């Protein structure tokens, strides 16, 4: 066993950050800037109480949520609520609460139909996936690291509380580079936005507007880095976000019988969410056998929280390797105090300023016996994400060869070890590939006696 503290590469201007000495530009202020603003609310007013019915329960749950006044709760009694079509929650400011995980169960039934990658339960109001509308607006000033004030080249048309994407063109020659190239290509929407002139934009962050004037605006979060004027910084409004929806005290089960609903399926999705949460929820996805795409998916999400929840998935088979999948654009996600079994945590594209902390992740073994990654940067330009205080069995990697580079990630105070019962594929604990820039690996406890060596 070894306690290792590494900062790559070394800098000459270290400043005090958190509990460790490192260059202040290599991290951001995550405290108070991730998760539901003000914490998960404690809602007490019940608008409807439901019990399971025979057949498809999607309609009765959807109708109750749509009729529920803002800030109130739809309660699900004990039992199994079978569904044969996607339960989409598109109304904001409501909570769906059960009697406890394993007691109240929402479960896909035989004949389930729907867009499986969205999940059998999908918190979404169908956002614009490629952000092609509305038109983007150029920025003229204010786009420096730490700034909360922006100036646009023309009237931006934004209002207070809007969520925006701030981004810039990719560049192979910048320092560090911002690329979207690799063996698996650069899928639009999955790896970045296409802006003016067809330029791909895979580097940026989401943010909330807190005050506006015609061509100026104030931001909720400080900018994570300084944008380059030559790469044409822009902002665009993120439409269709669902705000302040909570799922609490229930199980989401994407299995039919003892296998997954579909080989390309997801149990639960937050697709275009803003300050939404998962609390004391169990997610089951093929842990009895079969394959499956992922247990939970985030896409175009801002300041969500997942806490005190459990995720059970199948051992990884082939390419069906996404467990908790954080896709573009996700900023301010707080994923804390959870148990994740048999699946990795994958940053699948431009995600920034997220925290993954104090989770317990075990059994990352491939069905062939080979070892798979547990925290995995597999997409273009994830940046400024923090992994702190986790217990992780499995290797941790940057798969920059697939889609593009990875920037400013921090592994801090984790306990990490490989699985001695696996065979091949990964014989290293931390794998930082080419095109990975400015990583912090600080104060981690690495390895097990008699297994890994330093």
Protein backbone atom coordinates (compact mmCIF):
# COMPACT_ATOMS: atom_id res chain seq x y z
CA UNK A 1 0.00 0.00 0.00
CA UNK A 2 1.27 3.48 -0.80
CA UNK A 3 0.20 7.06 -0.11
CA UNK A 4 0.99 9.02 -3.24
CA UNK A 5 0.73 12.73 -3.93
CA UNK A 6 1.46 13.78 -7.51
CA UNK A 7 0.85 17.00 -9.42
CA UNK A 8 1.57 16.83 -13.18
CA UNK A 9 3.33 18.82 -14.49
CA UNK A 10 5.10 20.77 -11.72
CA UNK A 11 4.51 24.51 -11.46
CA UNK A 12 6.54 27.30 -9.91
CA UNK A 13 3.63 29.34 -8.60
CA UNK A 14 1.81 27.06 -6.18
CA UNK A 15 -0.93 28.56 -4.03
CA UNK A 16 -2.94 27.13 -1.14
CA UNK A 17 -6.01 25.35 -2.47
CA UNK A 18 -8.32 23.19 -0.36
CA UNK A 19 -6.03 21.22 1.97
CA UNK A 20 -3.20 20.80 -0.52
CA UNK A 21 -0.59 22.99 -2.20
CA UNK A 22 -1.13 23.33 -5.95
CA UNK A 23 -1.41 26.02 -8.58
CA UNK A 24 -4.75 27.79 -8.13
CA UNK A 25 -5.43 27.68 -11.88
CA UNK A 26 -5.56 23.88 -11.82
CA UNK A 27 -8.83 23.70 -9.85
CA UNK A 28 -12.03 25.66 -9.32
CA UNK A 29 -14.11 26.45 -6.26
CA UNK A 30 -16.46 23.49 -6.08
CA UNK A 31 -17.75 24.25 -2.57
CA UNK A 32 -21.22 25.83 -2.73
CA UNK A 33 -21.09 25.70 -6.54
CA UNK A 34 -22.32 22.14 -7.08
CA UNK A 35 -25.60 20.40 -6.34
CA UNK A 36 -29.06 21.79 -5.76
CA UNK A 37 -28.78 25.43 -4.72
CA UNK A 38 -29.52 25.66 -1.00
CA UNK A 39 -29.62 21.86 -0.68
CA UNK A 40 -32.41 19.38 -1.38
CA UNK A 41 -35.67 20.90 -0.09
CA UNK A 42 -37.81 19.06 2.45
CA UNK A 43 -41.28 19.06 0.91
CA UNK A 44 -44.22 18.09 3.13
CA UNK A 45 -47.48 18.81 1.24
CA UNK A 46 -48.96 15.79 -0.54
CA UNK A 47 -51.09 16.38 -3.64
CA UNK A 48 -51.85 12.72 -4.49
CA UNK A 49 -51.28 9.21 -3.14
CA UNK A 50 -51.20 6.28 -5.56
CA UNK A 51 -51.25 2.50 -5.30
CA UNK A 52 -50.20 0.07 -8.07
CA UNK A 53 -52.81 -0.91 -10.66
CA UNK A 54 -52.79 -3.82 -13.07
CA UNK A 55 -51.18 -3.20 -16.45
CA UNK A 56 -49.30 0.00 -17.24
CA UNK A 57 -48.91 2.47 -14.35
CA UNK A 58 -47.24 5.16 -16.47
CA UNK A 59 -50.45 7.07 -17.14
CA UNK A 60 -51.67 7.32 -13.54
CA UNK A 61 -48.26 8.48 -12.28
CA UNK A 62 -47.87 11.01 -15.14
CA UNK A 63 -51.36 12.43 -14.63
CA UNK A 64 -50.80 12.86 -10.89
CA UNK A 65 -47.48 14.64 -11.42
CA UNK A 66 -48.92 16.95 -14.10
CA UNK A 67 -51.82 17.92 -11.81
CA UNK A 68 -49.64 18.44 -8.74
CA UNK A 69 -49.20 22.06 -7.59
CA UNK A 70 -45.70 23.50 -7.42
CA UNK A 71 -43.64 22.38 -4.45
CA UNK A 72 -45.83 19.39 -3.59
CA UNK A 73 -45.44 15.60 -3.56
CA UNK A 74 -46.95 12.64 -5.36
CA UNK A 75 -46.67 9.72 -2.95
CA UNK A 76 -46.40 6.14 -4.18
CA UNK A 77 -47.56 3.49 -1.73
CA UNK A 78 -45.73 0.22 -1.17
CA UNK A 79 -45.79 -2.22 -4.08
CA UNK A 80 -44.54 -2.65 -7.64
CA UNK A 81 -45.69 -0.13 -10.24
CA UNK A 82 -45.21 -1.99 -13.54
CA UNK A 83 -44.76 0.23 -16.61
CA UNK A 84 -44.71 -0.70 -20.29
CA UNK A 85 -43.80 2.76 -21.62
CA UNK A 86 -41.37 5.48 -20.58
CA UNK A 87 -42.36 7.51 -17.52
CA UNK A 88 -41.35 11.01 -18.59
CA UNK A 89 -41.49 13.70 -15.92
CA UNK A 90 -41.63 17.02 -17.74
CA UNK A 91 -43.36 19.21 -15.15
CA UNK A 92 -41.04 21.06 -12.78
CA UNK A 93 -41.19 21.71 -9.04
CA UNK A 94 -42.71 18.38 -8.00
CA UNK A 95 -41.46 15.38 -6.00
CA UNK A 96 -42.18 11.71 -6.61
CA UNK A 97 -41.72 9.91 -3.29
CA UNK A 98 -42.09 6.26 -2.37
CA UNK A 99 -42.07 4.41 0.94
CA UNK A 100 -38.45 3.36 0.63
CA UNK A 101 -36.09 1.61 -1.77
CA UNK A 102 -37.17 -1.99 -2.27
CA UNK A 103 -40.60 -1.17 -0.86
CA UNK A 104 -41.91 1.07 -3.64
CA UNK A 105 -40.70 -0.17 -7.03
CA UNK A 106 -41.14 1.28 -10.53
CA UNK A 107 -40.34 -1.62 -12.84
CA UNK A 108 -40.29 -2.18 -16.60
CA UNK A 109 -42.74 -4.90 -17.61
CA UNK A 110 -42.73 -7.38 -20.47
CA UNK A 111 -43.37 -5.52 -23.72
CA UNK A 112 -41.82 -2.26 -22.53
CA UNK A 113 -41.42 0.13 -25.46
CA UNK A 114 -39.72 3.48 -25.73
CA UNK A 115 -36.45 5.25 -26.37
CA UNK A 116 -34.35 3.13 -24.04
CA UNK A 117 -31.35 5.44 -23.84
CA UNK A 118 -33.66 7.94 -22.14
CA UNK A 119 -34.44 5.49 -19.35
CA UNK A 120 -37.62 3.80 -18.20
CA UNK A 121 -37.91 6.89 -15.98
CA UNK A 122 -36.81 10.11 -17.69
CA UNK A 123 -36.86 13.58 -16.10
CA UNK A 124 -36.98 15.66 -19.26
CA UNK A 125 -38.87 18.27 -21.24
CA UNK A 126 -37.18 17.34 -24.55
CA UNK A 127 -34.37 19.93 -24.66
CA UNK A 128 -32.58 20.91 -27.86
CA UNK A 129 -29.86 18.26 -27.97
CA UNK A 130 -27.58 20.04 -30.45
CA UNK A 131 -28.31 23.56 -29.11
CA UNK A 132 -28.90 24.78 -32.64
CA UNK A 133 -31.64 27.11 -31.39
CA UNK A 134 -31.74 29.88 -30.38
CA UNK A 135 -28.88 31.59 -32.21
CA UNK A 136 -25.63 31.98 -30.32
CA UNK A 137 -24.29 35.43 -29.43
CA UNK A 138 -20.61 36.42 -29.53
CA UNK A 139 -18.88 37.61 -26.37
CA UNK A 140 -16.74 40.74 -26.46
CA UNK A 141 -15.36 40.87 -22.90
CA UNK A 142 -15.59 39.44 -19.40
CA UNK A 143 -14.64 35.89 -20.39
CA UNK A 144 -11.66 35.51 -18.04
CA UNK A 145 -11.19 32.92 -15.31
CA UNK A 146 -13.18 33.84 -12.17
CA UNK A 147 -15.35 36.42 -13.93
CA UNK A 148 -19.09 36.60 -13.27
CA UNK A 149 -19.78 39.43 -15.76
CA UNK A 150 -20.07 39.03 -19.53
CA UNK A 151 -20.57 41.53 -22.35
CA UNK A 152 -22.09 40.45 -25.67
CA UNK A 153 -21.62 41.91 -29.14
CA UNK A 154 -25.38 42.41 -29.59
CA UNK A 155 -28.57 42.18 -27.54
CA UNK A 156 -28.67 38.69 -26.02
CA UNK A 157 -32.40 38.52 -25.19
CA UNK A 158 -31.80 36.62 -21.96
CA UNK A 159 -33.76 36.94 -18.72
CA UNK A 160 -32.87 36.28 -15.10
CA UNK A 161 -32.76 32.57 -14.23
CA UNK A 162 -31.97 31.43 -17.78
CA UNK A 163 -29.31 28.72 -18.08
CA UNK A 164 -26.73 29.29 -20.80
CA UNK A 165 -23.82 27.46 -22.38
CA UNK A 166 -20.59 29.44 -22.70
CA UNK A 167 -18.18 27.81 -25.17
CA UNK A 168 -15.45 28.37 -27.76
CA UNK A 169 -14.10 26.73 -30.89
CA UNK A 170 -11.82 23.72 -30.63
CA UNK A 171 -8.11 24.23 -31.34
CA UNK A 172 -5.35 21.69 -31.87
CA UNK A 173 -2.65 24.32 -31.34
CA UNK A 174 -3.79 26.06 -28.15
CA UNK A 175 -2.16 25.41 -24.77
CA UNK A 176 -3.67 23.20 -23.58
CA UNK A 177 -5.27 21.95 -26.80
CA UNK A 178 -9.02 21.49 -27.08
CA UNK A 179 -9.71 18.69 -29.51
CA UNK A 180 -12.48 16.38 -30.57
CA UNK A 181 -10.52 13.78 -32.47
CA UNK A 182 -9.96 10.10 -31.91
CA UNK A 183 -10.65 6.56 -32.98
CA UNK A 184 -14.38 6.88 -32.22
CA UNK A 185 -14.90 10.26 -33.86
CA UNK A 186 -16.60 13.49 -32.87
CA UNK A 187 -20.37 13.03 -32.76
CA UNK A 188 -22.29 16.31 -32.79
CA UNK A 189 -24.30 16.70 -29.60
CA UNK A 190 -22.34 13.95 -27.86
CA UNK A 191 -18.95 15.68 -28.08
CA UNK A 192 -19.75 19.34 -28.59
CA UNK A 193 -21.86 22.02 -30.27
CA UNK A 194 -21.46 23.05 -33.90
CA UNK A 195 -21.23 26.83 -34.13
CA UNK A 196 -20.73 29.39 -36.87
CA UNK A 197 -18.88 28.15 -39.94
CA UNK A 198 -19.28 24.53 -38.85
CA UNK A 199 -16.66 24.81 -36.12
CA UNK A 200 -17.05 22.25 -33.34
CA UNK A 201 -17.08 23.58 -29.79
CA UNK A 202 -16.18 21.02 -27.14
CA UNK A 203 -14.94 23.30 -24.36
CA UNK A 204 -17.13 25.35 -22.06
CA UNK A 205 -19.53 25.28 -19.13
CA UNK A 206 -23.18 25.80 -18.24
CA UNK A 207 -24.09 28.75 -16.04
CA UNK A 208 -27.13 30.61 -14.72
CA UNK A 209 -27.96 34.23 -15.47
CA UNK A 210 -28.65 36.18 -12.27
CA UNK A 211 -28.96 39.71 -13.69
CA UNK A 212 -29.25 41.20 -17.18
CA UNK A 213 -29.01 44.35 -19.25
CA UNK A 214 -29.23 44.64 -23.03
CA UNK A 215 -25.70 43.43 -23.73
CA UNK A 216 -24.42 42.55 -20.25
CA UNK A 217 -25.21 39.75 -17.83
CA UNK A 218 -24.19 38.45 -14.42
CA UNK A 219 -23.44 34.76 -13.78
CA UNK A 220 -24.12 32.47 -10.84
CA UNK A 221 -20.78 30.61 -11.12
CA UNK A 222 -17.37 32.13 -11.77
CA UNK A 223 -15.92 31.11 -15.13
CA UNK A 224 -13.64 28.08 -14.82
CA UNK A 225 -10.98 29.26 -17.27
CA UNK A 226 -10.06 32.16 -19.57
CA UNK A 227 -11.51 31.92 -23.07
CA UNK A 228 -9.49 32.77 -26.17
CA UNK A 229 -10.76 35.67 -28.32
CA UNK A 230 -9.30 33.98 -31.42
CA UNK A 231 -11.58 31.00 -30.78
CA UNK A 232 -14.72 33.20 -30.82
CA UNK A 233 -16.30 32.75 -27.36
CA UNK A 234 -20.10 32.58 -27.51
CA UNK A 235 -23.11 32.00 -25.34
CA UNK A 236 -26.34 30.25 -26.19
CA UNK A 237 -29.48 29.75 -24.12
CA UNK A 238 -30.25 26.18 -23.05
CA UNK A 239 -33.94 25.64 -23.71
CA UNK A 240 -36.37 23.10 -22.29
CA UNK A 241 -34.86 22.47 -18.86
CA UNK A 242 -36.98 20.90 -16.11
CA UNK A 243 -36.41 22.56 -12.75
CA UNK A 244 -36.49 21.25 -9.18
CA UNK A 245 -37.88 17.74 -9.67
CA UNK A 246 -37.04 15.18 -6.99
CA UNK A 247 -37.18 11.38 -6.93
CA UNK A 248 -37.04 9.99 -3.41
CA UNK A 249 -37.31 6.72 -1.47
CA UNK A 250 -38.05 4.24 -4.25
CA UNK A 251 -36.52 1.69 -6.62
CA UNK A 252 -36.25 2.06 -10.40
CA UNK A 253 -35.84 -1.43 -11.88
CA UNK A 254 -35.05 -1.66 -15.60
CA UNK A 255 -35.06 -5.45 -15.69
CA UNK A 256 -37.73 -7.69 -17.11
CA UNK A 257 -37.56 -10.82 -15.06
CA UNK A 258 -33.87 -11.24 -14.43
CA UNK A 259 -32.38 -9.51 -17.47
CA UNK A 260 -32.22 -5.97 -18.83
CA UNK A 261 -35.07 -4.47 -20.82
CA UNK A 262 -32.79 -3.85 -23.80
CA UNK A 263 -29.14 -4.31 -24.66
CA UNK A 264 -29.01 -0.56 -25.36
CA UNK A 265 -31.02 0.64 -22.38
CA UNK A 266 -30.78 3.02 -19.45
CA UNK A 267 -32.69 2.72 -16.21
CA UNK A 268 -32.95 6.41 -15.31
CA UNK A 269 -32.15 9.68 -17.11
CA UNK A 270 -31.90 13.34 -16.20
CA UNK A 271 -32.10 14.85 -19.70
CA UNK A 272 -32.22 18.64 -19.57
CA UNK A 273 -32.52 19.18 -15.81
CA UNK A 274 -31.86 22.13 -13.53
CA UNK A 275 -31.51 21.71 -9.76
CA UNK A 276 -33.11 18.26 -9.75
CA UNK A 277 -32.25 15.44 -7.36
CA UNK A 278 -32.20 11.76 -6.53
CA UNK A 279 -32.38 10.90 -2.83
CA UNK A 280 -32.36 7.44 -1.23
CA UNK A 281 -33.19 5.78 -4.55
CA UNK A 282 -32.15 2.32 -5.71
CA UNK A 283 -31.49 1.76 -9.43
CA UNK A 284 -31.34 -1.81 -10.73
CA UNK A 285 -30.22 -2.59 -14.23
CA UNK A 286 -29.52 -6.10 -15.38
CA UNK A 287 -27.72 -7.22 -12.24
CA UNK A 288 -29.29 -10.65 -12.61
CA UNK A 289 -27.68 -11.18 -16.01
CA UNK A 290 -27.65 -9.81 -19.53
CA UNK A 291 -26.08 -6.55 -20.62
CA UNK A 292 -27.23 -2.94 -20.72
CA UNK A 293 -26.05 0.54 -21.61
CA UNK A 294 -26.16 2.40 -18.33
CA UNK A 295 -27.77 2.74 -14.93
CA UNK A 296 -28.19 6.53 -15.02
CA UNK A 297 -27.57 9.18 -17.65
CA UNK A 298 -27.13 12.95 -17.34
CA UNK A 299 -27.41 15.17 -20.43
CA UNK A 300 -27.68 18.99 -20.54
CA UNK A 301 -27.95 19.13 -16.75
CA UNK A 302 -27.14 21.94 -14.34
CA UNK A 303 -26.58 21.68 -10.57
CA UNK A 304 -28.27 18.33 -9.92
CA UNK A 305 -27.70 16.19 -6.81
CA UNK A 306 -27.58 12.41 -6.40
CA UNK A 307 -27.22 11.39 -2.77
CA UNK A 308 -27.48 8.32 -0.55
CA UNK A 309 -28.55 6.08 -3.43
CA UNK A 310 -27.59 2.62 -4.73
CA UNK A 311 -26.86 1.52 -8.29
CA UNK A 312 -26.72 -2.15 -9.28
CA UNK A 313 -25.67 -3.15 -12.79
CA UNK A 314 -24.49 -6.20 -14.70
CA UNK A 315 -20.87 -7.07 -15.03
CA UNK A 316 -19.60 -5.27 -18.09
CA UNK A 317 -20.10 -7.07 -21.40
CA UNK A 318 -18.54 -5.84 -24.64
CA UNK A 319 -19.25 -2.21 -25.44
CA UNK A 320 -22.16 -1.92 -23.02
CA UNK A 321 -19.89 -0.29 -20.50
CA UNK A 322 -21.53 2.90 -19.26
CA UNK A 323 -22.74 2.85 -15.69
CA UNK A 324 -23.25 6.42 -14.50
CA UNK A 325 -22.88 8.37 -17.74
CA UNK A 326 -22.29 12.13 -17.59
CA UNK A 327 -22.66 13.50 -21.12
CA UNK A 328 -22.56 17.03 -22.60
CA UNK A 329 -23.27 19.50 -21.22
CA UNK A 330 -23.29 18.86 -17.46
CA UNK A 331 -22.06 21.40 -14.91
CA UNK A 332 -22.35 21.46 -11.13
CA UNK A 333 -23.43 17.85 -10.58
CA UNK A 334 -22.95 16.63 -7.00
CA UNK A 335 -22.80 12.83 -6.83
CA UNK A 336 -22.16 11.96 -3.19
CA UNK A 337 -22.47 9.18 -0.64
CA UNK A 338 -23.71 6.52 -3.07
CA UNK A 339 -22.99 2.84 -3.70
CA UNK A 340 -22.21 1.83 -7.30
CA UNK A 341 -21.79 -1.86 -8.07
CA UNK A 342 -20.44 -3.49 -11.25
CA UNK A 343 -20.40 -0.38 -13.42
CA UNK A 344 -18.03 2.58 -14.02
CA UNK A 345 -18.58 6.32 -13.71
CA UNK A 346 -18.02 7.74 -17.21
CA UNK A 347 -17.49 11.38 -18.20
CA UNK A 348 -18.63 11.08 -21.82
CA UNK A 349 -17.84 14.46 -23.33
CA UNK A 350 -17.73 18.17 -22.38
CA UNK A 351 -18.64 18.14 -18.70
CA UNK A 352 -17.21 20.65 -16.24
CA UNK A 353 -17.13 21.60 -12.58
CA UNK A 354 -18.72 18.40 -11.22
CA UNK A 355 -18.00 16.64 -7.92
CA UNK A 356 -17.99 12.89 -7.37
CA UNK A 357 -17.35 12.38 -3.66
CA UNK A 358 -17.54 9.83 -0.84
CA UNK A 359 -18.98 7.03 -2.95
CA UNK A 360 -18.33 3.30 -2.61
CA UNK A 361 -17.64 1.57 -5.94
CA UNK A 362 -16.96 -2.15 -6.10
CA UNK A 363 -16.67 -5.14 -8.47
CA UNK A 364 -15.66 -3.51 -11.77
CA UNK A 365 -14.92 -6.84 -13.43
CA UNK A 366 -15.60 -7.61 -17.10
CA UNK A 367 -17.52 -10.81 -17.83
CA UNK A 368 -14.35 -12.24 -19.37
CA UNK A 369 -12.47 -11.67 -16.14
CA UNK A 370 -10.63 -8.57 -17.35
CA UNK A 371 -10.70 -5.41 -15.28
CA UNK A 372 -12.52 -2.26 -16.41
CA UNK A 373 -12.27 1.40 -15.41
CA UNK A 374 -14.25 2.83 -12.50
CA UNK A 375 -13.76 6.55 -13.12
CA UNK A 376 -13.35 6.98 -16.83
CA UNK A 377 -12.87 10.12 -18.95
CA UNK A 378 -14.22 9.00 -22.32
CA UNK A 379 -15.12 12.06 -24.37
CA UNK A 380 -13.93 15.42 -25.63
CA UNK A 381 -12.84 18.02 -23.09
CA UNK A 382 -14.22 17.07 -19.69
CA UNK A 383 -12.57 19.54 -17.33
CA UNK A 384 -12.33 20.66 -13.71
CA UNK A 385 -14.08 17.60 -12.27
CA UNK A 386 -13.27 16.47 -8.72
CA UNK A 387 -13.13 12.88 -7.44
CA UNK A 388 -12.67 13.09 -3.67
CA UNK A 389 -12.95 10.66 -0.76
CA UNK A 390 -14.20 7.69 -2.78
CA UNK A 391 -13.51 4.00 -2.18
CA UNK A 392 -12.79 2.63 -5.66
CA UNK A 393 -11.98 -0.90 -6.78
CA UNK A 394 -10.86 -0.70 -10.41
CA UNK A 395 -8.54 1.26 -12.59
CA UNK A 396 -9.06 4.96 -13.32
CA UNK A 397 -8.32 6.23 -16.78
CA UNK A 398 -8.44 8.94 -19.43
CA UNK A 399 -9.54 7.41 -22.74
CA UNK A 400 -8.38 10.38 -24.80
CA UNK A 401 -7.65 8.19 -27.82
CA UNK A 402 -11.40 7.73 -28.40
CA UNK A 403 -12.85 11.25 -28.69
CA UNK A 404 -10.38 13.94 -27.64
CA UNK A 405 -8.46 15.44 -24.78
CA UNK A 406 -9.19 15.77 -21.05
CA UNK A 407 -8.19 18.75 -18.92
CA UNK A 408 -7.76 19.78 -15.26
CA UNK A 409 -9.12 16.71 -13.48
CA UNK A 410 -8.46 16.06 -9.78
CA UNK A 411 -8.28 12.77 -7.88
CA UNK A 412 -7.95 13.71 -4.21
CA UNK A 413 -7.98 11.68 -0.97
CA UNK A 414 -9.45 8.54 -2.53
CA UNK A 415 -8.80 4.93 -1.52
CA UNK A 416 -8.14 3.08 -4.77
CA UNK A 417 -7.11 -0.47 -5.52
CA UNK A 418 -7.32 -2.99 -8.35
CA UNK A 419 -9.42 -6.13 -8.08
CA UNK A 420 -6.97 -9.01 -7.40
CA UNK A 421 -9.57 -11.50 -8.66
CA UNK A 422 -9.58 -10.16 -12.22
CA UNK A 423 -7.31 -11.37 -14.99
CA UNK A 424 -6.01 -8.93 -17.60
CA UNK A 425 -6.93 -5.69 -19.45
CA UNK A 426 -5.84 -3.33 -16.68
CA UNK A 427 -2.76 -3.98 -14.60
CA UNK A 428 -2.41 -0.33 -13.61
CA UNK A 429 -4.43 1.70 -11.15
CA UNK A 430 -4.26 5.17 -12.74
CA UNK A 431 -3.85 5.50 -16.51
CA UNK A 432 -3.30 9.04 -17.81
CA UNK A 433 -3.11 8.93 -21.60
CA UNK A 434 -1.72 11.44 -24.09
CA UNK A 435 -3.77 14.64 -24.59
CA UNK A 436 -4.48 14.71 -20.84
CA UNK A 437 -3.37 18.05 -19.39
CA UNK A 438 -2.96 19.52 -15.91
CA UNK A 439 -4.10 16.61 -13.75
CA UNK A 440 -3.91 16.65 -9.94
CA UNK A 441 -3.44 13.34 -8.11
CA UNK A 442 -3.24 14.33 -4.46
CA UNK A 443 -3.22 12.48 -1.15
CA UNK A 444 -4.70 9.21 -2.40
CA UNK A 445 -4.15 5.81 -0.79
CA UNK A 446 -3.25 3.54 -3.69
CA UNK A 447 -2.99 -0.21 -4.00
CA UNK A 448 -3.09 -3.32 -1.85
CA UNK A 449 -0.21 -5.21 -0.28
CA UNK A 450 0.94 -8.04 -2.48
CA UNK A 451 -0.99 -6.84 -5.55
CA UNK A 452 0.11 -3.48 -6.97
CA UNK A 453 3.56 -1.96 -6.77
CA UNK A 454 4.56 1.69 -7.03
